[in-house]
Amino acid sequence: MLTTKGNPLVKGGSLYQTEEKMKIKMLKAVMVGGQPRKVGDIVEVNESDAIELINWRDAIAHVEETKKSTRPKK
């Protein structure tokens, strides 16, 4: 039986499935993990899938903003 799972020639397919997760921000509307994703969506995917999507320029790495310190002024 021919499937696309694990096929590196198909978007989202990869030979190296890792358990590490990575958050990415979508730059293009594509299918990720069997789900349609829109531009601007923040998606958590396997690191290998994230790297492929970033290399294809379909996504960028998402870095969460940290809260600024709210120290009282003197």
PDB file of N, CA and C in Angstrom:
ATOM      1  N   MET A   1       0.840  -1.178   0.000  1.00  0.00           N
ATOM      2  CA  MET A   1       0.000   0.000   0.000  1.00  0.00           C
ATOM      3  C   MET A   1       0.885   1.242   0.000  1.00  0.00           C
ATOM      4  N   LEU A   2       0.612   2.169  -0.879  1.00  0.00           N
ATOM      5  CA  LEU A   2       1.378   3.392  -1.006  1.00  0.00           C
ATOM      6  C   LEU A   2       0.740   4.487  -0.158  1.00  0.00           C
ATOM      7  N   THR A   3       1.530   5.090   0.713  1.00  0.00           N
ATOM      8  CA  THR A   3       1.025   6.179   1.550  1.00  0.00           C
ATOM      9  C   THR A   3       1.980   7.363   1.465  1.00  0.00           C
ATOM     10  N   THR A   4       1.521   8.504   1.963  1.00  0.00           N
ATOM     11  CA  THR A   4       2.368   9.697   1.981  1.00  0.00           C
ATOM     12  C   THR A   4       3.038   9.881   3.333  1.00  0.00           C
ATOM     13  N   LYS A   5       2.670   9.084   4.334  1.00  0.00           N
ATOM     14  CA  LYS A   5       3.257   9.236   5.660  1.00  0.00           C
ATOM     15  C   LYS A   5       4.733   8.853   5.615  1.00  0.00           C
ATOM     16  N   GLY A   6       5.572   9.753   6.098  1.00  0.00           N
ATOM     17  CA  GLY A   6       7.000   9.494   6.101  1.00  0.00           C
ATOM     18  C   GLY A   6       7.682   9.739   4.769  1.00  0.00           C
ATOM     19  N   ASN A   7       6.946  10.241   3.791  1.00  0.00           N
ATOM     20  CA  ASN A   7       7.512  10.499   2.483  1.00  0.00           C
ATOM     21  C   ASN A   7       8.100  11.907   2.458  1.00  0.00           C
ATOM     22  N   PRO A   8       9.415  12.058   2.301  1.00  0.00           N
ATOM     23  CA  PRO A   8      10.023  13.383   2.325  1.00  0.00           C
ATOM     24  C   PRO A   8       9.680  14.231   1.109  1.00  0.00           C
ATOM     25  N   LEU A   9       9.065  13.639   0.085  1.00  0.00           N
ATOM     26  CA  LEU A   9       8.685  14.394  -1.103  1.00  0.00           C
ATOM     27  C   LEU A   9       7.322  15.059  -0.948  1.00  0.00           C
ATOM     28  N   VAL A  10       6.633  14.803   0.142  1.00  0.00           N
ATOM     29  CA  VAL A  10       5.315  15.364   0.398  1.00  0.00           C
ATOM     30  C   VAL A  10       5.431  16.345   1.550  1.00  0.00           C
ATOM     31  N   LYS A  11       4.800  17.530   1.429  1.00  0.00           N
ATOM     32  CA  LYS A  11       4.848  18.505   2.515  1.00  0.00           C
ATOM     33  C   LYS A  11       4.346  17.868   3.788  1.00  0.00           C
ATOM     34  N   GLY A  12       5.117  18.015   4.846  1.00  0.00           N
ATOM     35  CA  GLY A  12       4.736  17.439   6.128  1.00  0.00           C
ATOM     36  C   GLY A  12       5.254  16.029   6.315  1.00  0.00           C
ATOM     37  N   GLY A  13       5.728  15.397   5.237  1.00  0.00           N
ATOM     38  CA  GLY A  13       6.289  14.056   5.355  1.00  0.00           C
ATOM     39  C   GLY A  13       7.775  14.155   5.683  1.00  0.00           C
ATOM     40  N   SER A  14       8.273  13.222   6.444  1.00  0.00           N
ATOM     41  CA  SER A  14       9.674  13.272   6.828  1.00  0.00           C
ATOM     42  C   SER A  14      10.183  11.875   7.135  1.00  0.00           C
ATOM     43  N   LEU A  15      11.441  11.646   6.839  1.00  0.00           N
ATOM     44  CA  LEU A  15      12.050  10.370   7.200  1.00  0.00           C
ATOM     45  C   LEU A  15      12.388  10.329   8.681  1.00  0.00           C
ATOM     46  N   TYR A  16      12.617  11.487   9.275  1.00  0.00           N
ATOM     47  CA  TYR A  16      13.083  11.572  10.649  1.00  0.00           C
ATOM     48  C   TYR A  16      12.009  12.187  11.535  1.00  0.00           C
ATOM     49  N   GLN A  17      11.160  11.362  12.091  1.00  0.00           N
ATOM     50  CA  GLN A  17      10.118  11.841  12.994  1.00  0.00           C
ATOM     51  C   GLN A  17      10.702  11.937  14.391  1.00  0.00           C
ATOM     52  N   THR A  18      10.707  13.124  14.946  1.00  0.00           N
ATOM     53  CA  THR A  18      11.234  13.324  16.290  1.00  0.00           C
ATOM     54  C   THR A  18      10.087  13.645  17.234  1.00  0.00           C
ATOM     55  N   GLU A  19      10.346  13.495  18.497  1.00  0.00           N
ATOM     56  CA  GLU A  19       9.350  13.820  19.502  1.00  0.00           C
ATOM     57  C   GLU A  19       9.440  15.281  19.929  1.00  0.00           C
ATOM     58  N   GLU A  20      10.518  15.965  19.520  1.00  0.00           N
ATOM     59  CA  GLU A  20      10.669  17.374  19.863  1.00  0.00           C
ATOM     60  C   GLU A  20       9.606  18.186  19.133  1.00  0.00           C
ATOM     61  N   LYS A  21       9.004  19.124  19.842  1.00  0.00           N
ATOM     62  CA  LYS A  21       7.982  19.979  19.245  1.00  0.00           C
ATOM     63  C   LYS A  21       8.536  21.380  19.071  1.00  0.00           C
ATOM     64  N   MET A  22       8.015  22.084  18.080  1.00  0.00           N
ATOM     65  CA  MET A  22       8.455  23.442  17.789  1.00  0.00           C
ATOM     66  C   MET A  22       7.248  24.244  17.338  1.00  0.00           C
ATOM     67  N   LYS A  23       7.175  25.504  17.766  1.00  0.00           N
ATOM     68  CA  LYS A  23       6.088  26.372  17.339  1.00  0.00           C
ATOM     69  C   LYS A  23       6.549  27.179  16.137  1.00  0.00           C
ATOM     70  N   ILE A  24       5.656  27.244  15.144  1.00  0.00           N
ATOM     71  CA  ILE A  24       5.947  28.012  13.943  1.00  0.00           C
ATOM     72  C   ILE A  24       4.763  28.920  13.633  1.00  0.00           C
ATOM     73  N   LYS A  25       5.039  29.996  12.898  1.00  0.00           N
ATOM     74  CA  LYS A  25       4.000  30.912  12.445  1.00  0.00           C
ATOM     75  C   LYS A  25       3.889  30.764  10.941  1.00  0.00           C
ATOM     76  N   MET A  26       2.689  30.496  10.458  1.00  0.00           N
ATOM     77  CA  MET A  26       2.479  30.221   9.047  1.00  0.00           C
ATOM     78  C   MET A  26       2.575  31.496   8.206  1.00  0.00           C
ATOM     79  N   LEU A  27       3.318  31.416   7.097  1.00  0.00           N
ATOM     80  CA  LEU A  27       3.439  32.516   6.145  1.00  0.00           C
ATOM     81  C   LEU A  27       2.574  32.279   4.918  1.00  0.00           C
ATOM     82  N   LYS A  28       2.194  31.011   4.702  1.00  0.00           N
ATOM     83  CA  LYS A  28       1.348  30.632   3.571  1.00  0.00           C
ATOM     84  C   LYS A  28       0.262  29.702   4.087  1.00  0.00           C
ATOM     85  N   ALA A  29      -0.845  29.651   3.375  1.00  0.00           N
ATOM     86  CA  ALA A  29      -1.931  28.740   3.724  1.00  0.00           C
ATOM     87  C   ALA A  29      -1.611  27.361   3.132  1.00  0.00           C
ATOM     88  N   VAL A  30      -1.271  26.410   3.993  1.00  0.00           N
ATOM     89  CA  VAL A  30      -0.936  25.051   3.565  1.00  0.00           C
ATOM     90  C   VAL A  30      -1.534  24.046   4.545  1.00  0.00           C
ATOM     91  N   MET A  31      -1.534  22.780   4.143  1.00  0.00           N
ATOM     92  CA  MET A  31      -1.967  21.704   5.029  1.00  0.00           C
ATOM     93  C   MET A  31      -0.792  21.302   5.910  1.00  0.00           C
ATOM     94  N   VAL A  32      -0.995  21.256   7.212  1.00  0.00           N
ATOM     95  CA  VAL A  32       0.039  20.847   8.155  1.00  0.00           C
ATOM     96  C   VAL A  32      -0.576  19.802   9.074  1.00  0.00           C
ATOM     97  N   GLY A  33       0.005  18.626   9.080  1.00  0.00           N
ATOM     98  CA  GLY A  33      -0.511  17.557   9.926  1.00  0.00           C
ATOM     99  C   GLY A  33      -1.940  17.156   9.567  1.00  0.00           C
ATOM    100  N   GLY A  34      -2.279  17.275   8.289  1.00  0.00           N
ATOM    101  CA  GLY A  34      -3.618  16.908   7.833  1.00  0.00           C
ATOM    102  C   GLY A  34      -4.684  17.962   8.102  1.00  0.00           C
ATOM    103  N   GLN A  35      -4.283  19.123   8.611  1.00  0.00           N
ATOM    104  CA  GLN A  35      -5.223  20.206   8.910  1.00  0.00           C
ATOM    105  C   GLN A  35      -4.881  21.429   8.065  1.00  0.00           C
ATOM    106  N   PRO A  36      -5.895  22.101   7.505  1.00  0.00           N
ATOM    107  CA  PRO A  36      -5.598  23.335   6.768  1.00  0.00           C
ATOM    108  C   PRO A  36      -5.189  24.434   7.740  1.00  0.00           C
ATOM    109  N   ARG A  37      -4.132  25.133   7.428  1.00  0.00           N
ATOM    110  CA  ARG A  37      -3.635  26.224   8.267  1.00  0.00           C
ATOM    111  C   ARG A  37      -3.641  27.511   7.460  1.00  0.00           C
ATOM    112  N   LYS A  38      -4.014  28.610   8.125  1.00  0.00           N
ATOM    113  CA  LYS A  38      -4.097  29.908   7.466  1.00  0.00           C
ATOM    114  C   LYS A  38      -2.850  30.731   7.770  1.00  0.00           C
ATOM    115  N   VAL A  39      -2.660  31.775   6.982  1.00  0.00           N
ATOM    116  CA  VAL A  39      -1.547  32.697   7.208  1.00  0.00           C
ATOM    117  C   VAL A  39      -1.708  33.317   8.593  1.00  0.00           C
ATOM    118  N   GLY A  40      -0.631  33.310   9.370  1.00  0.00           N
ATOM    119  CA  GLY A  40      -0.651  33.897  10.700  1.00  0.00           C
ATOM    120  C   GLY A  40      -0.947  32.915  11.813  1.00  0.00           C
ATOM    121  N   ASP A  41      -1.397  31.699  11.484  1.00  0.00           N
ATOM    122  CA  ASP A  41      -1.661  30.685  12.513  1.00  0.00           C
ATOM    123  C   ASP A  41      -0.360  30.289  13.209  1.00  0.00           C
ATOM    124  N   ILE A  42      -0.443  30.076  14.521  1.00  0.00           N
ATOM    125  CA  ILE A  42       0.675  29.551  15.292  1.00  0.00           C
ATOM    126  C   ILE A  42       0.412  28.060  15.482  1.00  0.00           C
ATOM    127  N   VAL A  43       1.338  27.224  15.018  1.00  0.00           N
ATOM    128  CA  VAL A  43       1.150  25.780  15.006  1.00  0.00           C
ATOM    129  C   VAL A  43       2.312  25.111  15.732  1.00  0.00           C
ATOM    130  N   GLU A  44       2.014  24.088  16.524  1.00  0.00           N
ATOM    131  CA  GLU A  44       3.058  23.299  17.165  1.00  0.00           C
ATOM    132  C   GLU A  44       3.177  21.972  16.427  1.00  0.00           C
ATOM    133  N   VAL A  45       4.362  21.734  15.848  1.00  0.00           N
ATOM    134  CA  VAL A  45       4.594  20.534  15.040  1.00  0.00           C
ATOM    135  C   VAL A  45       5.917  19.896  15.443  1.00  0.00           C
ATOM    136  N   ASN A  46       6.172  18.700  14.916  1.00  0.00           N
ATOM    137  CA  ASN A  46       7.472  18.049  15.125  1.00  0.00           C
ATOM    138  C   ASN A  46       8.573  18.952  14.587  1.00  0.00           C
ATOM    139  N   GLU A  47       9.723  18.897  15.233  1.00  0.00           N
ATOM    140  CA  GLU A  47      10.832  19.760  14.840  1.00  0.00           C
ATOM    141  C   GLU A  47      11.236  19.534  13.385  1.00  0.00           C
ATOM    142  N   SER A  48      11.250  18.297  12.937  1.00  0.00           N
ATOM    143  CA  SER A  48      11.649  18.011  11.552  1.00  0.00           C
ATOM    144  C   SER A  48      10.653  18.614  10.555  1.00  0.00           C
ATOM    145  N   ASP A  49       9.365  18.541  10.866  1.00  0.00           N
ATOM    146  CA  ASP A  49       8.355  19.148   9.994  1.00  0.00           C
ATOM    147  C   ASP A  49       8.491  20.667   9.993  1.00  0.00           C
ATOM    148  N   ALA A  50       8.776  21.232  11.158  1.00  0.00           N
ATOM    149  CA  ALA A  50       8.950  22.682  11.261  1.00  0.00           C
ATOM    150  C   ALA A  50      10.124  23.145  10.414  1.00  0.00           C
ATOM    151  N   ILE A  51      11.223  22.411  10.468  1.00  0.00           N
ATOM    152  CA  ILE A  51      12.407  22.776   9.689  1.00  0.00           C
ATOM    153  C   ILE A  51      12.107  22.728   8.196  1.00  0.00           C
ATOM    154  N   GLU A  52      11.371  21.711   7.767  1.00  0.00           N
ATOM    155  CA  GLU A  52      11.014  21.611   6.347  1.00  0.00           C
ATOM    156  C   GLU A  52      10.135  22.771   5.923  1.00  0.00           C
ATOM    157  N   LEU A  53       9.122  23.106   6.725  1.00  0.00           N
ATOM    158  CA  LEU A  53       8.230  24.216   6.385  1.00  0.00           C
ATOM    159  C   LEU A  53       8.980  25.546   6.361  1.00  0.00           C
ATOM    160  N   ILE A  54       9.929  25.720   7.268  1.00  0.00           N
ATOM    161  CA  ILE A  54      10.743  26.936   7.282  1.00  0.00           C
ATOM    162  C   ILE A  54      11.632  26.988   6.045  1.00  0.00           C
ATOM    163  N   ASN A  55      12.242  25.865   5.679  1.00  0.00           N
ATOM    164  CA  ASN A  55      13.090  25.813   4.480  1.00  0.00           C
ATOM    165  C   ASN A  55      12.304  26.093   3.211  1.00  0.00           C
ATOM    166  N   TRP A  56      11.041  25.677   3.170  1.00  0.00           N
ATOM    167  CA  TRP A  56      10.180  25.927   2.012  1.00  0.00           C
ATOM    168  C   TRP A  56       9.600  27.331   2.028  1.00  0.00           C
ATOM    169  N   ARG A  57       9.921  28.103   3.077  1.00  0.00           N
ATOM    170  CA  ARG A  57       9.424  29.466   3.265  1.00  0.00           C
ATOM    171  C   ARG A  57       7.904  29.514   3.397  1.00  0.00           C
ATOM    172  N   ASP A  58       7.341  28.442   3.976  1.00  0.00           N
ATOM    173  CA  ASP A  58       5.913  28.414   4.277  1.00  0.00           C
ATOM    174  C   ASP A  58       5.651  28.884   5.702  1.00  0.00           C
ATOM    175  N   ALA A  59       6.713  28.952   6.531  1.00  0.00           N
ATOM    176  CA  ALA A  59       6.554  29.314   7.938  1.00  0.00           C
ATOM    177  C   ALA A  59       7.855  29.903   8.464  1.00  0.00           C
ATOM    178  N   ILE A  60       7.751  30.528   9.645  1.00  0.00           N
ATOM    179  CA  ILE A  60       8.926  31.003  10.359  1.00  0.00           C
ATOM    180  C   ILE A  60       8.834  30.489  11.785  1.00  0.00           C
ATOM    181  N   ALA A  61       9.964  30.432  12.462  1.00  0.00           N
ATOM    182  CA  ALA A  61       9.967  29.999  13.852  1.00  0.00           C
ATOM    183  C   ALA A  61       9.224  31.036  14.691  1.00  0.00           C
ATOM    184  N   HIS A  62       8.400  30.568  15.623  1.00  0.00           N
ATOM    185  CA  HIS A  62       7.641  31.469  16.488  1.00  0.00           C
ATOM    186  C   HIS A  62       8.347  31.569  17.830  1.00  0.00           C
ATOM    187  N   VAL A  63       8.655  32.800  18.202  1.00  0.00           N
ATOM    188  CA  VAL A  63       9.295  33.049  19.487  1.00  0.00           C
ATOM    189  C   VAL A  63       8.291  33.789  20.351  1.00  0.00           C
ATOM    190  N   GLU A  64       7.979  33.188  21.499  1.00  0.00           N
ATOM    191  CA  GLU A  64       7.012  33.828  22.386  1.00  0.00           C
ATOM    192  C   GLU A  64       7.656  35.020  23.063  1.00  0.00           C
ATOM    193  N   GLU A  65       6.892  36.092  23.150  1.00  0.00           N
ATOM    194  CA  GLU A  65       7.389  37.292  23.798  1.00  0.00           C
ATOM    195  C   GLU A  65       7.367  37.104  25.306  1.00  0.00           C
ATOM    196  N   THR A  66       8.383  37.617  25.959  1.00  0.00           N
ATOM    197  CA  THR A  66       8.415  37.553  27.414  1.00  0.00           C
ATOM    198  C   THR A  66       7.870  38.857  27.968  1.00  0.00           C
ATOM    199  N   LYS A  67       7.248  38.765  29.126  1.00  0.00           N
ATOM    200  CA  LYS A  67       6.710  39.968  29.743  1.00  0.00           C
ATOM    201  C   LYS A  67       7.847  40.820  30.276  1.00  0.00           C
ATOM    202  N   LYS A  68       7.704  42.116  30.092  1.00  0.00           N
ATOM    203  CA  LYS A  68       8.718  43.027  30.612  1.00  0.00           C
ATOM    204  C   LYS A  68       8.539  43.148  32.119  1.00  0.00           C
ATOM    205  N   SER A  69       9.637  43.390  32.794  1.00  0.00           N
ATOM    206  CA  SER A  69       9.611  43.558  34.234  1.00  0.00           C
ATOM    207  C   SER A  69       8.842  44.833  34.586  1.00  0.00           C
ATOM    208  N   THR A  70       7.968  44.735  35.557  1.00  0.00           N
ATOM    209  CA  THR A  70       7.174  45.894  35.985  1.00  0.00           C
ATOM    210  C   THR A  70       7.663  46.377  37.352  1.00  0.00           C
ATOM    211  N   ARG A  71       8.928  46.776  37.371  1.00  0.00           N
ATOM    212  CA  ARG A  71       9.476  47.289  38.613  1.00  0.00           C
ATOM    213  C   ARG A  71       9.015  48.732  38.810  1.00  0.00           C
ATOM    214  N   PRO A  72       8.710  49.110  40.036  1.00  0.00           N
ATOM    215  CA  PRO A  72       8.286  50.508  40.256  1.00  0.00           C
ATOM    216  C   PRO A  72       9.458  51.458  40.043  1.00  0.00           C
ATOM    217  N   LYS A  73       9.152  52.629  39.471  1.00  0.00           N
ATOM    218  CA  LYS A  73      10.178  53.635  39.243  1.00  0.00           C
ATOM    219  C   LYS A  73      10.505  54.322  40.560  1.00  0.00           C
ATOM    220  N   LYS A  74      11.758  54.731  40.700  1.00  0.00           N
ATOM    221  CA  LYS A  74      12.178  55.437  41.919  1.00  0.00           C
ATOM    222  C   LYS A  74      12.084  56.923  41.722  1.00  0.00           C
TER     223      LYS A  74
END
